[in-house]
């Protein structure tokens, strides 16, 4: 159950697991209660836990986020993309003695420079698996 059963999940912006531990413990308790009522602790009866777990939100979320590790291993997520967004805000918010070009032109130019390329497209294909 819980982390001992490998039910921790890194969802990119948060690490989850406590709710999985509690829910899987509840499912295990239901299975044990059923087995006790039947006075049957065979593998067949206890496999009810697997069925409950597979039907629960836990397994569905684990399947939905199974590719998270490969996304987290993408170095651009922690370097290129945050830096590009920071650069964009710097261009939009900076003040100097020169007149600013239009907001749309600035944003489009910066996005085009940093995001409209083959590597970003490949990263997007990887990110959308989550």
N, C-alpha and C. Protein backbone atom coordinates (compact mmCIF):
# COMPACT_ATOMS: atom_id res chain seq x y z
N UNK A 1 0.83 -1.18 0.00
CA UNK A 1 0.00 0.00 0.00
C UNK A 1 0.88 1.24 0.00
N UNK A 2 0.32 2.32 -0.51
CA UNK A 2 1.03 3.60 -0.49
C UNK A 2 2.38 3.55 -1.16
N UNK A 3 3.35 4.22 -0.56
CA UNK A 3 4.69 4.31 -1.14
C UNK A 3 5.36 2.95 -1.21
N UNK A 4 5.07 2.07 -0.25
CA UNK A 4 5.65 0.73 -0.28
C UNK A 4 5.21 -0.03 -1.52
N UNK A 5 4.06 0.33 -2.05
CA UNK A 5 3.55 -0.31 -3.26
C UNK A 5 3.93 0.49 -4.51
N UNK A 6 4.78 1.49 -4.35
CA UNK A 6 5.18 2.30 -5.50
C UNK A 6 4.10 3.25 -5.96
N UNK A 7 3.27 3.72 -5.04
CA UNK A 7 2.16 4.59 -5.42
C UNK A 7 2.48 6.07 -5.26
N UNK A 8 3.75 6.42 -5.30
CA UNK A 8 4.13 7.83 -5.33
C UNK A 8 4.12 8.28 -6.78
N UNK A 9 3.77 9.53 -7.05
CA UNK A 9 3.66 10.00 -8.42
C UNK A 9 4.15 11.43 -8.52
N UNK A 10 5.17 11.64 -9.35
CA UNK A 10 5.67 12.99 -9.62
C UNK A 10 4.89 13.50 -10.81
N UNK A 11 4.07 14.54 -10.58
CA UNK A 11 3.21 15.09 -11.63
C UNK A 11 3.76 16.39 -12.19
N UNK A 12 5.05 16.56 -12.15
CA UNK A 12 5.76 17.70 -12.70
C UNK A 12 5.69 18.92 -11.79
N UNK A 13 4.53 19.35 -11.39
CA UNK A 13 4.43 20.52 -10.53
C UNK A 13 4.21 20.14 -9.08
N UNK A 14 3.90 18.91 -8.82
CA UNK A 14 3.69 18.44 -7.45
C UNK A 14 4.00 16.95 -7.38
N UNK A 15 4.39 16.51 -6.22
CA UNK A 15 4.58 15.08 -5.99
C UNK A 15 3.42 14.60 -5.14
N UNK A 16 2.75 13.60 -5.62
CA UNK A 16 1.57 13.11 -4.91
C UNK A 16 1.85 11.70 -4.40
N UNK A 17 1.12 11.32 -3.39
CA UNK A 17 1.27 9.97 -2.87
C UNK A 17 0.47 9.73 -1.61
N UNK A 18 0.32 10.77 -0.78
CA UNK A 18 -0.37 10.58 0.48
C UNK A 18 -1.81 10.12 0.25
N UNK A 19 -2.50 10.76 -0.71
CA UNK A 19 -3.87 10.37 -0.97
C UNK A 19 -3.93 8.96 -1.55
N UNK A 20 -2.91 8.57 -2.30
CA UNK A 20 -2.86 7.20 -2.83
C UNK A 20 -2.66 6.20 -1.70
N UNK A 21 -1.81 6.56 -0.74
CA UNK A 21 -1.58 5.69 0.41
C UNK A 21 -2.87 5.51 1.20
N UNK A 22 -3.57 6.61 1.45
CA UNK A 22 -4.82 6.51 2.22
C UNK A 22 -5.87 5.71 1.45
N UNK A 23 -6.04 6.00 0.17
CA UNK A 23 -7.06 5.30 -0.62
C UNK A 23 -6.72 3.82 -0.78
N UNK A 24 -5.45 3.51 -1.02
CA UNK A 24 -5.09 2.10 -1.17
C UNK A 24 -5.23 1.37 0.16
N UNK A 25 -4.97 2.05 1.27
CA UNK A 25 -5.20 1.45 2.59
C UNK A 25 -6.67 1.16 2.83
N UNK A 26 -7.53 2.08 2.39
CA UNK A 26 -8.97 1.87 2.51
C UNK A 26 -9.40 0.67 1.67
N UNK A 27 -8.88 0.56 0.47
CA UNK A 27 -9.22 -0.57 -0.39
C UNK A 27 -8.72 -1.89 0.19
N UNK A 28 -7.52 -1.85 0.78
CA UNK A 28 -6.99 -3.05 1.43
C UNK A 28 -7.86 -3.44 2.62
N UNK A 29 -8.29 -2.44 3.40
CA UNK A 29 -9.18 -2.71 4.54
C UNK A 29 -10.49 -3.33 4.10
N UNK A 30 -11.06 -2.83 3.02
CA UNK A 30 -12.30 -3.42 2.49
C UNK A 30 -12.09 -4.87 2.07
N UNK A 31 -10.95 -5.12 1.46
CA UNK A 31 -10.65 -6.48 1.02
C UNK A 31 -10.49 -7.41 2.22
N UNK A 32 -9.78 -6.95 3.24
CA UNK A 32 -9.59 -7.77 4.44
C UNK A 32 -10.92 -8.02 5.14
N UNK A 33 -11.74 -7.00 5.22
CA UNK A 33 -13.07 -7.16 5.84
C UNK A 33 -13.89 -8.21 5.09
N UNK A 34 -13.88 -8.13 3.77
CA UNK A 34 -14.60 -9.11 2.95
C UNK A 34 -14.05 -10.52 3.18
N UNK A 35 -12.72 -10.64 3.20
CA UNK A 35 -12.10 -11.95 3.40
C UNK A 35 -12.45 -12.50 4.78
N UNK A 36 -12.46 -11.63 5.78
CA UNK A 36 -12.80 -12.07 7.14
C UNK A 36 -14.26 -12.53 7.21
N UNK A 37 -15.16 -11.79 6.58
CA UNK A 37 -16.57 -12.19 6.57
C UNK A 37 -16.77 -13.53 5.91
N UNK A 38 -15.99 -13.81 4.88
CA UNK A 38 -16.06 -15.10 4.16
C UNK A 38 -15.23 -16.18 4.85
N UNK A 39 -14.36 -15.73 5.78
CA UNK A 39 -13.38 -16.62 6.40
C UNK A 39 -12.54 -17.32 5.31
N UNK A 40 -12.15 -16.51 4.34
CA UNK A 40 -11.39 -17.03 3.20
C UNK A 40 -10.28 -16.03 2.88
N UNK A 41 -9.05 -16.41 3.20
CA UNK A 41 -7.90 -15.54 2.98
C UNK A 41 -7.02 -16.07 1.86
N UNK A 42 -7.63 -16.75 0.92
CA UNK A 42 -6.89 -17.31 -0.22
C UNK A 42 -6.44 -16.19 -1.16
N UNK A 43 -5.49 -16.53 -2.00
CA UNK A 43 -4.98 -15.56 -2.98
C UNK A 43 -6.12 -15.07 -3.88
N UNK A 44 -7.03 -15.97 -4.19
CA UNK A 44 -8.14 -15.60 -5.05
C UNK A 44 -9.01 -14.52 -4.39
N UNK A 45 -9.33 -14.71 -3.11
CA UNK A 45 -10.15 -13.73 -2.40
C UNK A 45 -9.39 -12.42 -2.21
N UNK A 46 -8.13 -12.51 -1.84
CA UNK A 46 -7.34 -11.30 -1.61
C UNK A 46 -7.02 -10.55 -2.90
N UNK A 47 -7.16 -11.21 -4.03
CA UNK A 47 -6.94 -10.52 -5.31
C UNK A 47 -8.02 -9.47 -5.57
N UNK A 48 -9.05 -9.48 -4.74
CA UNK A 48 -10.08 -8.44 -4.81
C UNK A 48 -9.44 -7.06 -4.65
N UNK A 49 -8.39 -6.98 -3.85
CA UNK A 49 -7.67 -5.71 -3.68
C UNK A 49 -7.14 -5.21 -5.02
N UNK A 50 -6.55 -6.10 -5.82
CA UNK A 50 -6.04 -5.70 -7.14
C UNK A 50 -7.16 -5.17 -8.01
N UNK A 51 -8.31 -5.82 -7.98
CA UNK A 51 -9.44 -5.36 -8.78
C UNK A 51 -9.89 -3.97 -8.32
N UNK A 52 -10.01 -3.80 -7.01
CA UNK A 52 -10.41 -2.49 -6.48
C UNK A 52 -9.40 -1.40 -6.87
N UNK A 53 -8.13 -1.73 -6.72
CA UNK A 53 -7.08 -0.76 -7.04
C UNK A 53 -7.12 -0.40 -8.52
N UNK A 54 -7.27 -1.39 -9.38
CA UNK A 54 -7.30 -1.13 -10.83
C UNK A 54 -8.52 -0.33 -11.26
N UNK A 55 -9.59 -0.40 -10.50
CA UNK A 55 -10.81 0.37 -10.81
C UNK A 55 -10.78 1.77 -10.17
N UNK A 56 -9.82 2.02 -9.32
CA UNK A 56 -9.78 3.28 -8.57
C UNK A 56 -9.12 4.40 -9.36
N UNK A 57 -9.24 5.61 -8.83
CA UNK A 57 -8.58 6.78 -9.42
C UNK A 57 -7.07 6.64 -9.37
N UNK A 58 -6.56 5.85 -8.44
CA UNK A 58 -5.11 5.72 -8.28
C UNK A 58 -4.48 5.18 -9.55
N UNK A 59 -4.96 4.04 -10.00
CA UNK A 59 -4.38 3.41 -11.19
C UNK A 59 -4.61 4.27 -12.42
N UNK A 60 -5.77 4.91 -12.50
CA UNK A 60 -6.05 5.77 -13.66
C UNK A 60 -5.05 6.93 -13.71
N UNK A 61 -4.78 7.55 -12.57
CA UNK A 61 -3.81 8.66 -12.55
C UNK A 61 -2.39 8.16 -12.80
N UNK A 62 -2.05 7.01 -12.25
CA UNK A 62 -0.71 6.46 -12.49
C UNK A 62 -0.51 6.21 -13.98
N UNK A 63 -1.55 5.73 -14.64
CA UNK A 63 -1.46 5.50 -16.09
C UNK A 63 -1.40 6.81 -16.86
N UNK A 64 -2.19 7.80 -16.43
CA UNK A 64 -2.19 9.10 -17.11
C UNK A 64 -0.82 9.78 -17.05
N UNK A 65 -0.10 9.58 -15.97
CA UNK A 65 1.17 10.29 -15.76
C UNK A 65 2.38 9.37 -15.85
N UNK A 66 2.24 8.26 -16.54
CA UNK A 66 3.35 7.31 -16.62
C UNK A 66 4.57 7.84 -17.38
N UNK A 67 4.37 8.87 -18.20
CA UNK A 67 5.49 9.43 -18.98
C UNK A 67 6.14 10.65 -18.32
N UNK A 68 5.75 10.95 -17.10
CA UNK A 68 6.25 12.15 -16.43
C UNK A 68 7.76 12.14 -16.28
N UNK A 69 8.34 11.01 -15.97
CA UNK A 69 9.79 10.95 -15.76
C UNK A 69 10.55 11.39 -17.00
N UNK A 70 10.12 10.95 -18.17
CA UNK A 70 10.82 11.36 -19.39
C UNK A 70 10.69 12.87 -19.62
N UNK A 71 9.55 13.45 -19.23
CA UNK A 71 9.39 14.90 -19.34
C UNK A 71 10.32 15.60 -18.37
N UNK A 72 10.40 15.10 -17.14
CA UNK A 72 11.26 15.71 -16.13
C UNK A 72 12.74 15.63 -16.52
N UNK A 73 13.10 14.66 -17.32
CA UNK A 73 14.48 14.51 -17.74
C UNK A 73 14.84 15.46 -18.88
N UNK A 74 13.86 16.17 -19.42
CA UNK A 74 14.09 17.12 -20.50
C UNK A 74 14.71 18.38 -19.90
N UNK A 75 15.97 18.64 -20.22
CA UNK A 75 16.69 19.78 -19.63
C UNK A 75 16.08 21.12 -19.99
N UNK A 76 15.43 21.20 -21.14
CA UNK A 76 14.81 22.45 -21.57
C UNK A 76 13.73 22.93 -20.62
N UNK A 77 13.11 22.00 -19.94
CA UNK A 77 12.04 22.34 -19.01
C UNK A 77 12.54 23.20 -17.87
N UNK A 78 13.80 23.04 -17.50
CA UNK A 78 14.37 23.77 -16.37
C UNK A 78 15.38 24.83 -16.78
N UNK A 79 15.66 24.93 -18.07
CA UNK A 79 16.64 25.91 -18.51
C UNK A 79 16.11 26.75 -19.68
N UNK A 80 15.96 26.15 -20.82
CA UNK A 80 15.59 26.88 -22.03
C UNK A 80 14.24 27.59 -21.89
N UNK A 81 13.21 26.87 -21.49
CA UNK A 81 11.87 27.47 -21.48
C UNK A 81 11.69 28.53 -20.38
N UNK A 82 12.13 28.28 -19.17
CA UNK A 82 12.04 29.37 -18.18
C UNK A 82 12.86 30.60 -18.59
N UNK A 83 14.04 30.37 -19.17
CA UNK A 83 14.87 31.50 -19.59
C UNK A 83 14.20 32.27 -20.73
N UNK A 84 13.58 31.56 -21.67
CA UNK A 84 12.90 32.23 -22.78
C UNK A 84 11.74 33.07 -22.27
N UNK A 85 10.99 32.55 -21.31
CA UNK A 85 9.86 33.31 -20.75
C UNK A 85 10.37 34.52 -19.98
N UNK A 86 11.44 34.32 -19.22
CA UNK A 86 12.05 35.44 -18.51
C UNK A 86 12.53 36.52 -19.48
N UNK A 87 13.17 36.10 -20.57
CA UNK A 87 13.63 37.06 -21.58
C UNK A 87 12.46 37.82 -22.21
N UNK A 88 11.37 37.11 -22.45
CA UNK A 88 10.19 37.75 -23.02
C UNK A 88 9.66 38.84 -22.09
N UNK A 89 9.53 38.51 -20.80
CA UNK A 89 9.05 39.51 -19.85
C UNK A 89 10.03 40.68 -19.73
N UNK A 90 11.31 40.40 -19.81
CA UNK A 90 12.30 41.47 -19.76
C UNK A 90 12.13 42.42 -20.94
N UNK A 91 11.92 41.85 -22.13
CA UNK A 91 11.74 42.69 -23.32
C UNK A 91 10.46 43.54 -23.20
N UNK A 92 9.41 42.94 -22.69
CA UNK A 92 8.13 43.65 -22.58
C UNK A 92 8.16 44.71 -21.48
N UNK A 93 8.83 44.43 -20.37
CA UNK A 93 8.77 45.31 -19.19
C UNK A 93 9.93 46.29 -19.07
N UNK A 94 10.97 46.11 -19.84
CA UNK A 94 12.13 46.98 -19.66
C UNK A 94 11.83 48.42 -20.10
N UNK A 95 12.53 49.32 -19.48
CA UNK A 95 12.36 50.74 -19.78
C UNK A 95 13.74 51.30 -20.13
N UNK A 96 13.82 51.95 -21.26
CA UNK A 96 15.05 52.65 -21.63
C UNK A 96 14.67 53.90 -22.42
N UNK A 97 15.66 54.56 -23.02
CA UNK A 97 15.41 55.83 -23.70
C UNK A 97 14.76 55.66 -25.08
N UNK A 98 14.64 54.43 -25.56
CA UNK A 98 14.09 54.18 -26.89
C UNK A 98 12.59 53.88 -26.81
N UNK A 99 11.84 54.29 -27.84
CA UNK A 99 10.42 53.94 -27.86
C UNK A 99 10.24 52.43 -28.04
N UNK A 100 9.21 51.90 -27.46
CA UNK A 100 8.94 50.47 -27.57
C UNK A 100 8.19 50.18 -28.85
N UNK A 101 8.49 49.00 -29.41
CA UNK A 101 7.66 48.55 -30.52
C UNK A 101 6.35 48.03 -29.93
N UNK A 102 5.41 47.68 -30.76
CA UNK A 102 4.13 47.20 -30.28
C UNK A 102 4.27 45.90 -29.47
N UNK A 103 3.39 45.74 -28.55
CA UNK A 103 3.42 44.56 -27.68
C UNK A 103 3.32 43.26 -28.49
N UNK A 104 2.39 43.23 -29.43
CA UNK A 104 2.22 42.04 -30.26
C UNK A 104 3.50 41.71 -31.01
N UNK A 105 4.12 42.72 -31.61
CA UNK A 105 5.35 42.48 -32.37
C UNK A 105 6.46 41.93 -31.47
N UNK A 106 6.60 42.50 -30.29
CA UNK A 106 7.63 42.04 -29.35
C UNK A 106 7.38 40.59 -28.95
N UNK A 107 6.17 40.30 -28.55
CA UNK A 107 5.84 38.94 -28.10
C UNK A 107 6.02 37.95 -29.24
N UNK A 108 5.50 38.28 -30.42
CA UNK A 108 5.61 37.36 -31.55
C UNK A 108 7.07 37.11 -31.92
N UNK A 109 7.87 38.16 -31.97
CA UNK A 109 9.29 38.02 -32.32
C UNK A 109 10.01 37.10 -31.32
N UNK A 110 9.77 37.32 -30.04
CA UNK A 110 10.44 36.53 -29.01
C UNK A 110 9.96 35.07 -29.01
N UNK A 111 8.66 34.88 -29.17
CA UNK A 111 8.14 33.50 -29.23
C UNK A 111 8.68 32.78 -30.46
N UNK A 112 8.70 33.49 -31.57
CA UNK A 112 9.23 32.90 -32.81
C UNK A 112 10.69 32.49 -32.63
N UNK A 113 11.46 33.39 -32.03
CA UNK A 113 12.89 33.12 -31.83
C UNK A 113 13.13 31.91 -30.93
N UNK A 114 12.37 31.83 -29.85
CA UNK A 114 12.65 30.81 -28.83
C UNK A 114 11.80 29.54 -28.94
N UNK A 115 10.64 29.62 -29.57
CA UNK A 115 9.72 28.48 -29.51
C UNK A 115 9.33 27.90 -30.85
N UNK A 116 9.46 28.63 -31.93
CA UNK A 116 9.05 28.11 -33.22
C UNK A 116 10.23 27.41 -33.89
N UNK A 117 10.56 26.23 -33.40
CA UNK A 117 11.66 25.46 -33.96
C UNK A 117 11.39 23.98 -33.76
N UNK A 118 12.18 23.17 -34.42
CA UNK A 118 11.95 21.73 -34.40
C UNK A 118 12.12 21.13 -33.01
N UNK A 119 13.09 21.60 -32.25
CA UNK A 119 13.32 21.05 -30.90
C UNK A 119 12.11 21.31 -29.99
N UNK A 120 11.56 22.51 -30.06
CA UNK A 120 10.39 22.82 -29.25
C UNK A 120 9.20 21.96 -29.67
N UNK A 121 9.06 21.72 -30.97
CA UNK A 121 7.99 20.85 -31.46
C UNK A 121 8.17 19.44 -30.90
N UNK A 122 9.39 18.93 -30.92
CA UNK A 122 9.66 17.59 -30.35
C UNK A 122 9.35 17.56 -28.86
N UNK A 123 9.74 18.61 -28.15
CA UNK A 123 9.45 18.69 -26.71
C UNK A 123 7.95 18.72 -26.47
N UNK A 124 7.24 19.50 -27.27
CA UNK A 124 5.79 19.58 -27.13
C UNK A 124 5.15 18.21 -27.32
N UNK A 125 5.62 17.47 -28.32
CA UNK A 125 5.09 16.11 -28.52
C UNK A 125 5.32 15.25 -27.29
N UNK A 126 6.46 15.42 -26.66
CA UNK A 126 6.76 14.66 -25.45
C UNK A 126 5.89 15.14 -24.29
N UNK A 127 5.75 16.43 -24.12
CA UNK A 127 4.98 17.00 -23.00
C UNK A 127 3.50 16.64 -23.10
N UNK A 128 2.97 16.53 -24.30
CA UNK A 128 1.54 16.28 -24.43
C UNK A 128 1.15 14.87 -24.02
N UNK A 129 2.12 14.00 -23.82
CA UNK A 129 1.83 12.64 -23.36
C UNK A 129 1.36 12.61 -21.92
N UNK A 130 1.56 13.73 -21.23
CA UNK A 130 1.16 13.78 -19.82
C UNK A 130 -0.31 14.09 -19.68
